[in-house]
Amino acid sequence: MKSTVHLFLYIFILISSVAQRATAQETLGEQLRQVIQGKAATVGVAVIFNGSELVSVNNMYRYPMMSTYKFHQALSVVDYLHKHDKNLATEILVKKIGFVGKHA
């Protein structure tokens, strides 16, 4: 009898944990959609933790920058924000003149 109660308690905790994680993922997905909404851009976001995809937004598109370049670009942005004493919530306007190369 005691082991049955422990089993039901374990199952209840497991189900509650899964439900909370699903709710958190939905909340994160909705927050990402709100940030993207109204922008003059097609933006895709994927959050991967421990090798498992938690949330993805606009994952149905192929993006030209789906490569390792994004990591280096992100490092440059973080470096810029750090040097200018800005936080990660800072919006940055990137103009065509700011690009280097023959495609600018």
PDB file of N, CA and C in Angstrom:
ATOM      1  N   MET A   1       0.824  -1.192   0.000  1.00  0.00           N
ATOM      2  CA  MET A   1       0.000   0.000   0.000  1.00  0.00           C
ATOM      3  C   MET A   1       0.872   1.260   0.000  1.00  0.00           C
ATOM      4  N   LYS A   2       1.909   1.259   0.865  1.00  0.00           N
ATOM      5  CA  LYS A   2       2.785   2.413   0.968  1.00  0.00           C
ATOM      6  C   LYS A   2       3.533   2.653  -0.345  1.00  0.00           C
ATOM      7  N   SER A   3       3.973   1.577  -0.989  1.00  0.00           N
ATOM      8  CA  SER A   3       4.685   1.724  -2.261  1.00  0.00           C
ATOM      9  C   SER A   3       3.753   2.228  -3.360  1.00  0.00           C
ATOM     10  N   THR A   4       2.482   1.867  -3.304  1.00  0.00           N
ATOM     11  CA  THR A   4       1.503   2.349  -4.280  1.00  0.00           C
ATOM     12  C   THR A   4       1.315   3.855  -4.137  1.00  0.00           C
ATOM     13  N   VAL A   5       1.240   4.328  -2.908  1.00  0.00           N
ATOM     14  CA  VAL A   5       1.099   5.761  -2.660  1.00  0.00           C
ATOM     15  C   VAL A   5       2.330   6.502  -3.176  1.00  0.00           C
ATOM     16  N   HIS A   6       3.516   5.940  -2.925  1.00  0.00           N
ATOM     17  CA  HIS A   6       4.749   6.555  -3.417  1.00  0.00           C
ATOM     18  C   HIS A   6       4.765   6.598  -4.948  1.00  0.00           C
ATOM     19  N   LEU A   7       4.301   5.533  -5.573  1.00  0.00           N
ATOM     20  CA  LEU A   7       4.255   5.475  -7.027  1.00  0.00           C
ATOM     21  C   LEU A   7       3.316   6.543  -7.579  1.00  0.00           C
ATOM     22  N   PHE A   8       2.124   6.670  -7.012  1.00  0.00           N
ATOM     23  CA  PHE A   8       1.169   7.684  -7.467  1.00  0.00           C
ATOM     24  C   PHE A   8       1.723   9.092  -7.244  1.00  0.00           C
ATOM     25  N   LEU A   9       2.385   9.296  -6.123  1.00  0.00           N
ATOM     26  CA  LEU A   9       2.985  10.598  -5.839  1.00  0.00           C
ATOM     27  C   LEU A   9       4.074  10.912  -6.865  1.00  0.00           C
ATOM     28  N   TYR A  10       4.904   9.936  -7.176  1.00  0.00           N
ATOM     29  CA  TYR A  10       5.958  10.117  -8.170  1.00  0.00           C
ATOM     30  C   TYR A  10       5.359  10.447  -9.537  1.00  0.00           C
ATOM     31  N   ILE A  11       4.333   9.716  -9.938  1.00  0.00           N
ATOM     32  CA  ILE A  11       3.677   9.959 -11.234  1.00  0.00           C
ATOM     33  C   ILE A  11       3.060  11.350 -11.265  1.00  0.00           C
ATOM     34  N   PHE A  12       2.423  11.754 -10.170  1.00  0.00           N
ATOM     35  CA  PHE A  12       1.815  13.082 -10.094  1.00  0.00           C
ATOM     36  C   PHE A  12       2.877  14.175 -10.249  1.00  0.00           C
ATOM     37  N   ILE A  13       3.991  14.015  -9.555  1.00  0.00           N
ATOM     38  CA  ILE A  13       5.078  15.001  -9.642  1.00  0.00           C
ATOM     39  C   ILE A  13       5.650  15.040 -11.055  1.00  0.00           C
ATOM     40  N   LEU A  14       5.806  13.883 -11.661  1.00  0.00           N
ATOM     41  CA  LEU A  14       6.324  13.808 -13.025  1.00  0.00           C
ATOM     42  C   LEU A  14       5.392  14.516 -14.007  1.00  0.00           C
ATOM     43  N   ILE A  15       4.102  14.247 -13.908  1.00  0.00           N
ATOM     44  CA  ILE A  15       3.119  14.876 -14.802  1.00  0.00           C
ATOM     45  C   ILE A  15       3.098  16.386 -14.576  1.00  0.00           C
ATOM     46  N   SER A  16       3.151  16.809 -13.320  1.00  0.00           N
ATOM     47  CA  SER A  16       3.163  18.243 -13.010  1.00  0.00           C
ATOM     48  C   SER A  16       4.393  18.918 -13.597  1.00  0.00           C
ATOM     49  N   SER A  17       5.525  18.254 -13.500  1.00  0.00           N
ATOM     50  CA  SER A  17       6.773  18.798 -14.029  1.00  0.00           C
ATOM     51  C   SER A  17       6.705  18.954 -15.542  1.00  0.00           C
ATOM     52  N   VAL A  18       6.187  17.951 -16.218  1.00  0.00           N
ATOM     53  CA  VAL A  18       6.050  18.001 -17.678  1.00  0.00           C
ATOM     54  C   VAL A  18       5.084  19.110 -18.077  1.00  0.00           C
ATOM     55  N   ALA A  19       3.986  19.250 -17.355  1.00  0.00           N
ATOM     56  CA  ALA A  19       3.002  20.293 -17.657  1.00  0.00           C
ATOM     57  C   ALA A  19       3.604  21.682 -17.454  1.00  0.00           C
ATOM     58  N   GLN A  20       4.382  21.864 -16.393  1.00  0.00           N
ATOM     59  CA  GLN A  20       5.021  23.156 -16.145  1.00  0.00           C
ATOM     60  C   GLN A  20       6.029  23.484 -17.239  1.00  0.00           C
ATOM     61  N   ARG A  21       6.782  22.494 -17.674  1.00  0.00           N
ATOM     62  CA  ARG A  21       7.767  22.720 -18.733  1.00  0.00           C
ATOM     63  C   ARG A  21       7.066  23.106 -20.032  1.00  0.00           C
ATOM     64  N   ALA A  22       5.976  22.422 -20.355  1.00  0.00           N
ATOM     65  CA  ALA A  22       5.230  22.736 -21.573  1.00  0.00           C
ATOM     66  C   ALA A  22       4.686  24.156 -21.509  1.00  0.00           C
ATOM     67  N   THR A  23       4.171  24.561 -20.353  1.00  0.00           N
ATOM     68  CA  THR A  23       3.650  25.914 -20.185  1.00  0.00           C
ATOM     69  C   THR A  23       4.770  26.938 -20.330  1.00  0.00           C
ATOM     70  N   ALA A  24       5.925  26.665 -19.748  1.00  0.00           N
ATOM     71  CA  ALA A  24       7.068  27.575 -19.854  1.00  0.00           C
ATOM     72  C   ALA A  24       7.521  27.701 -21.305  1.00  0.00           C
ATOM     73  N   GLN A  25       7.523  26.592 -22.037  1.00  0.00           N
ATOM     74  CA  GLN A  25       7.919  26.623 -23.446  1.00  0.00           C
ATOM     75  C   GLN A  25       6.924  27.443 -24.260  1.00  0.00           C
ATOM     76  N   GLU A  26       5.632  27.264 -23.996  1.00  0.00           N
ATOM     77  CA  GLU A  26       4.615  28.035 -24.708  1.00  0.00           C
ATOM     78  C   GLU A  26       4.766  29.518 -24.402  1.00  0.00           C
ATOM     79  N   THR A  27       5.046  29.849 -23.144  1.00  0.00           N
ATOM     80  CA  THR A  27       5.231  31.240 -22.746  1.00  0.00           C
ATOM     81  C   THR A  27       6.442  31.842 -23.448  1.00  0.00           C
ATOM     82  N   LEU A  28       7.553  31.122 -23.476  1.00  0.00           N
ATOM     83  CA  LEU A  28       8.750  31.606 -24.159  1.00  0.00           C
ATOM     84  C   LEU A  28       8.476  31.795 -25.645  1.00  0.00           C
ATOM     85  N   GLY A  29       7.807  30.831 -26.258  1.00  0.00           N
ATOM     86  CA  GLY A  29       7.459  30.942 -27.674  1.00  0.00           C
ATOM     87  C   GLY A  29       6.599  32.162 -27.945  1.00  0.00           C
ATOM     88  N   GLU A  30       5.633  32.423 -27.086  1.00  0.00           N
ATOM     89  CA  GLU A  30       4.755  33.582 -27.251  1.00  0.00           C
ATOM     90  C   GLU A  30       5.540  34.881 -27.071  1.00  0.00           C
ATOM     91  N   GLN A  31       6.445  34.917 -26.110  1.00  0.00           N
ATOM     92  CA  GLN A  31       7.268  36.115 -25.908  1.00  0.00           C
ATOM     93  C   GLN A  31       8.140  36.381 -27.134  1.00  0.00           C
ATOM     94  N   LEU A  32       8.707  35.337 -27.706  1.00  0.00           N
ATOM     95  CA  LEU A  32       9.521  35.502 -28.912  1.00  0.00           C
ATOM     96  C   LEU A  32       8.667  36.009 -30.069  1.00  0.00           C
ATOM     97  N   ARG A  33       7.469  35.472 -30.221  1.00  0.00           N
ATOM     98  CA  ARG A  33       6.573  35.923 -31.294  1.00  0.00           C
ATOM     99  C   ARG A  33       6.213  37.399 -31.123  1.00  0.00           C
ATOM    100  N   GLN A  34       6.011  37.839 -29.885  1.00  0.00           N
ATOM    101  CA  GLN A  34       5.683  39.244 -29.628  1.00  0.00           C
ATOM    102  C   GLN A  34       6.846  40.159 -29.991  1.00  0.00           C
ATOM    103  N   VAL A  35       8.062  39.738 -29.711  1.00  0.00           N
ATOM    104  CA  VAL A  35       9.234  40.544 -30.060  1.00  0.00           C
ATOM    105  C   VAL A  35       9.356  40.660 -31.576  1.00  0.00           C
ATOM    106  N   ILE A  36       9.110  39.576 -32.281  1.00  0.00           N
ATOM    107  CA  ILE A  36       9.249  39.537 -33.734  1.00  0.00           C
ATOM    108  C   ILE A  36       8.108  40.274 -34.435  1.00  0.00           C
ATOM    109  N   GLN A  37       6.925  40.225 -33.857  1.00  0.00           N
ATOM    110  CA  GLN A  37       5.722  40.780 -34.481  1.00  0.00           C
ATOM    111  C   GLN A  37       5.915  42.253 -34.847  1.00  0.00           C
ATOM    112  N   GLY A  38       5.503  42.598 -36.052  1.00  0.00           N
ATOM    113  CA  GLY A  38       5.549  43.980 -36.499  1.00  0.00           C
ATOM    114  C   GLY A  38       6.893  44.424 -37.050  1.00  0.00           C
ATOM    115  N   LYS A  39       7.881  43.561 -37.030  1.00  0.00           N
ATOM    116  CA  LYS A  39       9.199  43.917 -37.567  1.00  0.00           C
ATOM    117  C   LYS A  39       9.195  43.683 -39.076  1.00  0.00           C
ATOM    118  N   ALA A  40       9.913  44.534 -39.781  1.00  0.00           N
ATOM    119  CA  ALA A  40      10.012  44.408 -41.232  1.00  0.00           C
ATOM    120  C   ALA A  40      11.122  43.411 -41.565  1.00  0.00           C
ATOM    121  N   ALA A  41      10.934  42.182 -41.100  1.00  0.00           N
ATOM    122  CA  ALA A  41      11.946  41.150 -41.314  1.00  0.00           C
ATOM    123  C   ALA A  41      11.307  39.786 -41.121  1.00  0.00           C
ATOM    124  N   THR A  42      11.900  38.789 -41.740  1.00  0.00           N
ATOM    125  CA  THR A  42      11.507  37.416 -41.469  1.00  0.00           C
ATOM    126  C   THR A  42      12.526  36.873 -40.485  1.00  0.00           C
ATOM    127  N   VAL A  43      12.058  36.555 -39.295  1.00  0.00           N
ATOM    128  CA  VAL A  43      12.954  36.154 -38.213  1.00  0.00           C
ATOM    129  C   VAL A  43      12.598  34.754 -37.755  1.00  0.00           C
ATOM    130  N   GLY A  44      13.599  33.927 -37.584  1.00  0.00           N
ATOM    131  CA  GLY A  44      13.409  32.596 -37.033  1.00  0.00           C
ATOM    132  C   GLY A  44      14.253  32.440 -35.784  1.00  0.00           C
ATOM    133  N   VAL A  45      13.688  31.793 -34.787  1.00  0.00           N
ATOM    134  CA  VAL A  45      14.396  31.595 -33.525  1.00  0.00           C
ATOM    135  C   VAL A  45      14.220  30.148 -33.103  1.00  0.00           C
ATOM    136  N   ALA A  46      15.301  29.533 -32.673  1.00  0.00           N
ATOM    137  CA  ALA A  46      15.225  28.194 -32.093  1.00  0.00           C
ATOM    138  C   ALA A  46      16.023  28.201 -30.800  1.00  0.00           C
ATOM    139  N   VAL A  47      15.427  27.667 -29.758  1.00  0.00           N
ATOM    140  CA  VAL A  47      16.107  27.555 -28.470  1.00  0.00           C
ATOM    141  C   VAL A  47      16.381  26.077 -28.245  1.00  0.00           C
ATOM    142  N   ILE A  48      17.651  25.744 -28.152  1.00  0.00           N
ATOM    143  CA  ILE A  48      18.066  24.354 -27.971  1.00  0.00           C
ATOM    144  C   ILE A  48      18.819  24.261 -26.655  1.00  0.00           C
ATOM    145  N   PHE A  49      18.418  23.325 -25.814  1.00  0.00           N
ATOM    146  CA  PHE A  49      19.057  23.146 -24.511  1.00  0.00           C
ATOM    147  C   PHE A  49      19.379  21.676 -24.330  1.00  0.00           C
ATOM    148  N   ASN A  50      20.629  21.387 -24.020  1.00  0.00           N
ATOM    149  CA  ASN A  50      21.090  20.001 -23.844  1.00  0.00           C
ATOM    150  C   ASN A  50      20.765  19.123 -25.048  1.00  0.00           C
ATOM    151  N   GLY A  51      20.890  19.688 -26.231  1.00  0.00           N
ATOM    152  CA  GLY A  51      20.682  18.920 -27.447  1.00  0.00           C
ATOM    153  C   GLY A  51      19.234  18.705 -27.840  1.00  0.00           C
ATOM    154  N   SER A  52      18.301  19.242 -27.063  1.00  0.00           N
ATOM    155  CA  SER A  52      16.877  19.094 -27.384  1.00  0.00           C
ATOM    156  C   SER A  52      16.282  20.459 -27.692  1.00  0.00           C
ATOM    157  N   GLU A  53      15.517  20.524 -28.769  1.00  0.00           N
ATOM    158  CA  GLU A  53      14.870  21.778 -29.124  1.00  0.00           C
ATOM    159  C   GLU A  53      13.716  22.030 -28.170  1.00  0.00           C
ATOM    160  N   LEU A  54      13.745  23.182 -27.518  1.00  0.00           N
ATOM    161  CA  LEU A  54      12.685  23.537 -26.585  1.00  0.00           C
ATOM    162  C   LEU A  54      11.593  24.339 -27.265  1.00  0.00           C
ATOM    163  N   VAL A  55      12.009  25.339 -28.048  1.00  0.00           N
ATOM    164  CA  VAL A  55      11.054  26.241 -28.684  1.00  0.00           C
ATOM    165  C   VAL A  55      11.588  26.599 -30.059  1.00  0.00           C
ATOM    166  N   SER A  56      10.703  26.691 -31.035  1.00  0.00           N
ATOM    167  CA  SER A  56      11.096  27.239 -32.329  1.00  0.00           C
ATOM    168  C   SER A  56       9.973  28.124 -32.846  1.00  0.00           C
ATOM    169  N   VAL A  57      10.372  29.213 -33.483  1.00  0.00           N
ATOM    170  CA  VAL A  57       9.430  30.165 -34.060  1.00  0.00           C
ATOM    171  C   VAL A  57       9.834  30.368 -35.513  1.00  0.00           C
ATOM    172  N   ASN A  58       8.885  30.252 -36.418  1.00  0.00           N
ATOM    173  CA  ASN A  58       9.124  30.399 -37.863  1.00  0.00           C
ATOM    174  C   ASN A  58      10.180  29.425 -38.369  1.00  0.00           C
ATOM    175  N   ASN A  59      10.107  28.213 -37.919  1.00  0.00           N
ATOM    176  CA  ASN A  59      11.088  27.201 -38.294  1.00  0.00           C
ATOM    177  C   ASN A  59      10.816  26.595 -39.670  1.00  0.00           C
ATOM    178  N   MET A  60       9.715  27.014 -40.300  1.00  0.00           N
ATOM    179  CA  MET A  60       9.362  26.420 -41.581  1.00  0.00           C
ATOM    180  C   MET A  60      10.103  27.053 -42.760  1.00  0.00           C
ATOM    181  N   TYR A  61      10.848  28.131 -42.505  1.00  0.00           N
ATOM    182  CA  TYR A  61      11.567  28.831 -43.565  1.00  0.00           C
ATOM    183  C   TYR A  61      13.041  28.435 -43.574  1.00  0.00           C
ATOM    184  N   ARG A  62      13.667  28.561 -44.752  1.00  0.00           N
ATOM    185  CA  ARG A  62      15.121  28.425 -44.863  1.00  0.00           C
ATOM    186  C   ARG A  62      15.682  29.841 -44.857  1.00  0.00           C
ATOM    187  N   TYR A  63      16.658  30.083 -44.038  1.00  0.00           N
ATOM    188  CA  TYR A  63      17.251  31.404 -43.911  1.00  0.00           C
ATOM    189  C   TYR A  63      18.660  31.377 -44.490  1.00  0.00           C
ATOM    190  N   PRO A  64      19.042  32.437 -45.222  1.00  0.00           N
ATOM    191  CA  PRO A  64      20.357  32.430 -45.851  1.00  0.00           C
ATOM    192  C   PRO A  64      21.516  32.409 -44.848  1.00  0.00           C
ATOM    193  N   MET A  65      21.277  32.807 -43.628  1.00  0.00           N
ATOM    194  CA  MET A  65      22.350  32.855 -42.637  1.00  0.00           C
ATOM    195  C   MET A  65      22.317  31.664 -41.682  1.00  0.00           C
ATOM    196  N   MET A  66      21.685  30.577 -42.088  1.00  0.00           N
ATOM    197  CA  MET A  66      21.662  29.379 -41.240  1.00  0.00           C
ATOM    198  C   MET A  66      23.029  28.714 -41.315  1.00  0.00           C
ATOM    199  N   SER A  67      23.954  29.239 -40.540  1.00  0.00           N
ATOM    200  CA  SER A  67      25.318  28.723 -40.588  1.00  0.00           C
ATOM    201  C   SER A  67      26.049  29.105 -39.314  1.00  0.00           C
ATOM    202  N   THR A  68      27.291  28.742 -39.262  1.00  0.00           N
ATOM    203  CA  THR A  68      28.098  29.069 -38.084  1.00  0.00           C
ATOM    204  C   THR A  68      28.452  30.546 -38.025  1.00  0.00           C
ATOM    205  N   TYR A  69      28.218  31.289 -39.096  1.00  0.00           N
ATOM    206  CA  TYR A  69      28.507  32.724 -39.066  1.00  0.00           C
ATOM    207  C   TYR A  69      27.690  33.434 -37.994  1.00  0.00           C
ATOM    208  N   LYS A  70      26.510  32.944 -37.737  1.00  0.00           N
ATOM    209  CA  LYS A  70      25.647  33.607 -36.753  1.00  0.00           C
ATOM    210  C   LYS A  70      26.310  33.674 -35.387  1.00  0.00           C
ATOM    211  N   PHE A  71      27.051  32.670 -35.019  1.00  0.00           N
ATOM    212  CA  PHE A  71      27.707  32.665 -33.714  1.00  0.00           C
ATOM    213  C   PHE A  71      28.688  33.830 -33.608  1.00  0.00           C
ATOM    214  N   HIS A  72      29.497  34.020 -34.634  1.00  0.00           N
ATOM    215  CA  HIS A  72      30.484  35.094 -34.628  1.00  0.00           C
ATOM    216  C   HIS A  72      29.806  36.462 -34.680  1.00  0.00           C
ATOM    217  N   GLN A  73      28.709  36.551 -35.412  1.00  0.00           N
ATOM    218  CA  GLN A  73      27.963  37.803 -35.444  1.00  0.00           C
ATOM    219  C   GLN A  73      27.377  38.105 -34.072  1.00  0.00           C
ATOM    220  N   ALA A  74      26.856  37.099 -33.418  1.00  0.00           N
ATOM    221  CA  ALA A  74      26.298  37.289 -32.079  1.00  0.00           C
ATOM    222  C   ALA A  74      27.382  37.740 -31.105  1.00  0.00           C
ATOM    223  N   LEU A  75      28.569  37.158 -31.211  1.00  0.00           N
ATOM    224  CA  LEU A  75      29.676  37.588 -30.354  1.00  0.00           C
ATOM    225  C   LEU A  75      30.028  39.052 -30.608  1.00  0.00           C
ATOM    226  N   SER A  76      30.003  39.469 -31.866  1.00  0.00           N
ATOM    227  CA  SER A  76      30.293  40.868 -32.193  1.00  0.00           C
ATOM    228  C   SER A  76      29.243  41.799 -31.611  1.00  0.00           C
ATOM    229  N   VAL A  77      27.995  41.402 -31.691  1.00  0.00           N
ATOM    230  CA  VAL A  77      26.914  42.223 -31.132  1.00  0.00           C
ATOM    231  C   VAL A  77      27.057  42.334 -29.620  1.00  0.00           C
ATOM    232  N   VAL A  78      27.314  41.220 -28.961  1.00  0.00           N
ATOM    233  CA  VAL A  78      27.488  41.244 -27.501  1.00  0.00           C
ATOM    234  C   VAL A  78      28.695  42.108 -27.127  1.00  0.00           C
ATOM    235  N   ASP A  79      29.774  42.013 -27.891  1.00  0.00           N
ATOM    236  CA  ASP A  79      30.951  42.841 -27.641  1.00  0.00           C
ATOM    237  C   ASP A  79      30.606  44.322 -27.794  1.00  0.00           C
ATOM    238  N   TYR A  80      29.874  44.654 -28.849  1.00  0.00           N
ATOM    239  CA  TYR A  80      29.446  46.042 -29.075  1.00  0.00           C
ATOM    240  C   TYR A  80      28.601  46.541 -27.903  1.00  0.00           C
ATOM    241  N   LEU A  81      27.631  45.741 -27.492  1.00  0.00           N
ATOM    242  CA  LEU A  81      26.769  46.144 -26.378  1.00  0.00           C
ATOM    243  C   LEU A  81      27.584  46.341 -25.103  1.00  0.00           C
ATOM    244  N   HIS A  82      28.510  45.438 -24.865  1.00  0.00           N
ATOM    245  CA  HIS A  82      29.349  45.536 -23.666  1.00  0.00           C
ATOM    246  C   HIS A  82      30.203  46.808 -23.695  1.00  0.00           C
ATOM    247  N   LYS A  83      30.828  47.083 -24.833  1.00  0.00           N
ATOM    248  CA  LYS A  83      31.693  48.261 -24.952  1.00  0.00           C
ATOM    249  C   LYS A  83      30.918  49.569 -24.846  1.00  0.00           C
ATOM    250  N   HIS A  84      29.636  49.538 -25.217  1.00  0.00           N
ATOM    251  CA  HIS A  84      28.808  50.746 -25.160  1.00  0.00           C
ATOM    252  C   HIS A  84      27.887  50.760 -23.941  1.00  0.00           C
ATOM    253  N   ASP A  85      28.166  49.879 -22.987  1.00  0.00           N
ATOM    254  CA  ASP A  85      27.419  49.811 -21.725  1.00  0.00           C
ATOM    255  C   ASP A  85      25.906  49.693 -21.960  1.00  0.00           C
ATOM    256  N   LYS A  86      25.521  48.802 -22.870  1.00  0.00           N
ATOM    257  CA  LYS A  86      24.110  48.550 -23.192  1.00  0.00           C
ATOM    258  C   LYS A  86      23.745  47.147 -22.732  1.00  0.00           C
ATOM    259  N   ASN A  87      22.450  46.913 -22.507  1.00  0.00           N
ATOM    260  CA  ASN A  87      22.026  45.562 -22.121  1.00  0.00           C
ATOM    261  C   ASN A  87      21.528  44.801 -23.345  1.00  0.00           C
ATOM    262  N   LEU A  88      21.241  43.525 -23.166  1.00  0.00           N
ATOM    263  CA  LEU A  88      20.844  42.670 -24.294  1.00  0.00           C
ATOM    264  C   LEU A  88      19.489  43.039 -24.877  1.00  0.00           C
ATOM    265  N   ALA A  89      18.689  43.808 -24.159  1.00  0.00           N
ATOM    266  CA  ALA A  89      17.374  44.213 -24.660  1.00  0.00           C
ATOM    267  C   ALA A  89      17.472  45.409 -25.610  1.00  0.00           C
ATOM    268  N   THR A  90      18.655  45.958 -25.801  1.00  0.00           N
ATOM    269  CA  THR A  90      18.859  47.119 -26.661  1.00  0.00           C
ATOM    270  C   THR A  90      18.607  46.749 -28.116  1.00  0.00           C
ATOM    271  N   GLU A  91      17.784  47.562 -28.798  1.00  0.00           N
ATOM    272  CA  GLU A  91      17.557  47.356 -30.228  1.00  0.00           C
ATOM    273  C   GLU A  91      18.629  48.110 -30.998  1.00  0.00           C
ATOM    274  N   ILE A  92      19.155  47.480 -32.036  1.00  0.00           N
ATOM    275  CA  ILE A  92      20.220  48.075 -32.840  1.00  0.00           C
ATOM    276  C   ILE A  92      19.733  48.179 -34.277  1.00  0.00           C
ATOM    277  N   LEU A  93      19.822  49.379 -34.848  1.00  0.00           N
ATOM    278  CA  LEU A  93      19.458  49.591 -36.241  1.00  0.00           C
ATOM    279  C   LEU A  93      20.692  49.333 -37.097  1.00  0.00           C
ATOM    280  N   VAL A  94      20.575  48.430 -38.047  1.00  0.00           N
ATOM    281  CA  VAL A  94      21.681  48.120 -38.950  1.00  0.00           C
ATOM    282  C   VAL A  94      21.301  48.644 -40.323  1.00  0.00           C
ATOM    283  N   LYS A  95      22.086  49.601 -40.811  1.00  0.00           N
ATOM    284  CA  LYS A  95      21.819  50.205 -42.114  1.00  0.00           C
ATOM    285  C   LYS A  95      22.718  49.559 -43.168  1.00  0.00           C
ATOM    286  N   LYS A  96      22.293  49.643 -44.404  1.00  0.00           N
ATOM    287  CA  LYS A  96      23.045  49.047 -45.502  1.00  0.00           C
ATOM    288  C   LYS A  96      24.476  49.585 -45.557  1.00  0.00           C
ATOM    289  N   ILE A  97      24.653  50.841 -45.236  1.00  0.00           N
ATOM    290  CA  ILE A  97      25.985  51.447 -45.280  1.00  0.00           C
ATOM    291  C   ILE A  97      26.935  50.808 -44.267  1.00  0.00           C
ATOM    292  N   GLY A  98      26.400  50.165 -43.258  1.00  0.00           N
ATOM    293  CA  GLY A  98      27.221  49.527 -42.238  1.00  0.00           C
ATOM    294  C   GLY A  98      27.808  48.193 -42.661  1.00  0.00           C
ATOM    295  N   PHE A  99      27.378  47.670 -43.802  1.00  0.00           N
ATOM    296  CA  PHE A  99      27.886  46.384 -44.270  1.00  0.00           C
ATOM    297  C   PHE A  99      29.183  46.565 -45.051  1.00  0.00           C
ATOM    298  N   VAL A 100      30.052  45.595 -44.973  1.00  0.00           N
ATOM    299  CA  VAL A 100      31.315  45.627 -45.694  1.00  0.00           C
ATOM    300  C   VAL A 100      31.272  44.523 -46.740  1.00  0.00           C
ATOM    301  N   GLY A 101      31.772  44.806 -47.923  1.00  0.00           N
ATOM    302  CA  GLY A 101      31.824  43.780 -48.956  1.00  0.00           C
ATOM    303  C   GLY A 101      31.139  44.225 -50.228  1.00  0.00           C
ATOM    304  N   LYS A 102      31.210  43.374 -51.239  1.00  0.00           N
ATOM    305  CA  LYS A 102      30.687  43.742 -52.552  1.00  0.00           C
ATOM    306  C   LYS A 102      29.164  43.716 -52.617  1.00  0.00           C
ATOM    307  N   HIS A 103      28.489  43.092 -51.645  1.00  0.00           N
ATOM    308  CA  HIS A 103      27.031  42.997 -51.679  1.00  0.00           C
ATOM    309  C   HIS A 103      26.361  44.129 -50.920  1.00  0.00           C
ATOM    310  N   ALA A 104      27.118  45.015 -50.332  1.00  0.00           N
ATOM    311  CA  ALA A 104      26.550  46.090 -49.513  1.00  0.00           C
ATOM    312  C   ALA A 104      25.942  47.176 -50.359  1.00  0.00           C
TER     313      ALA A 104
END
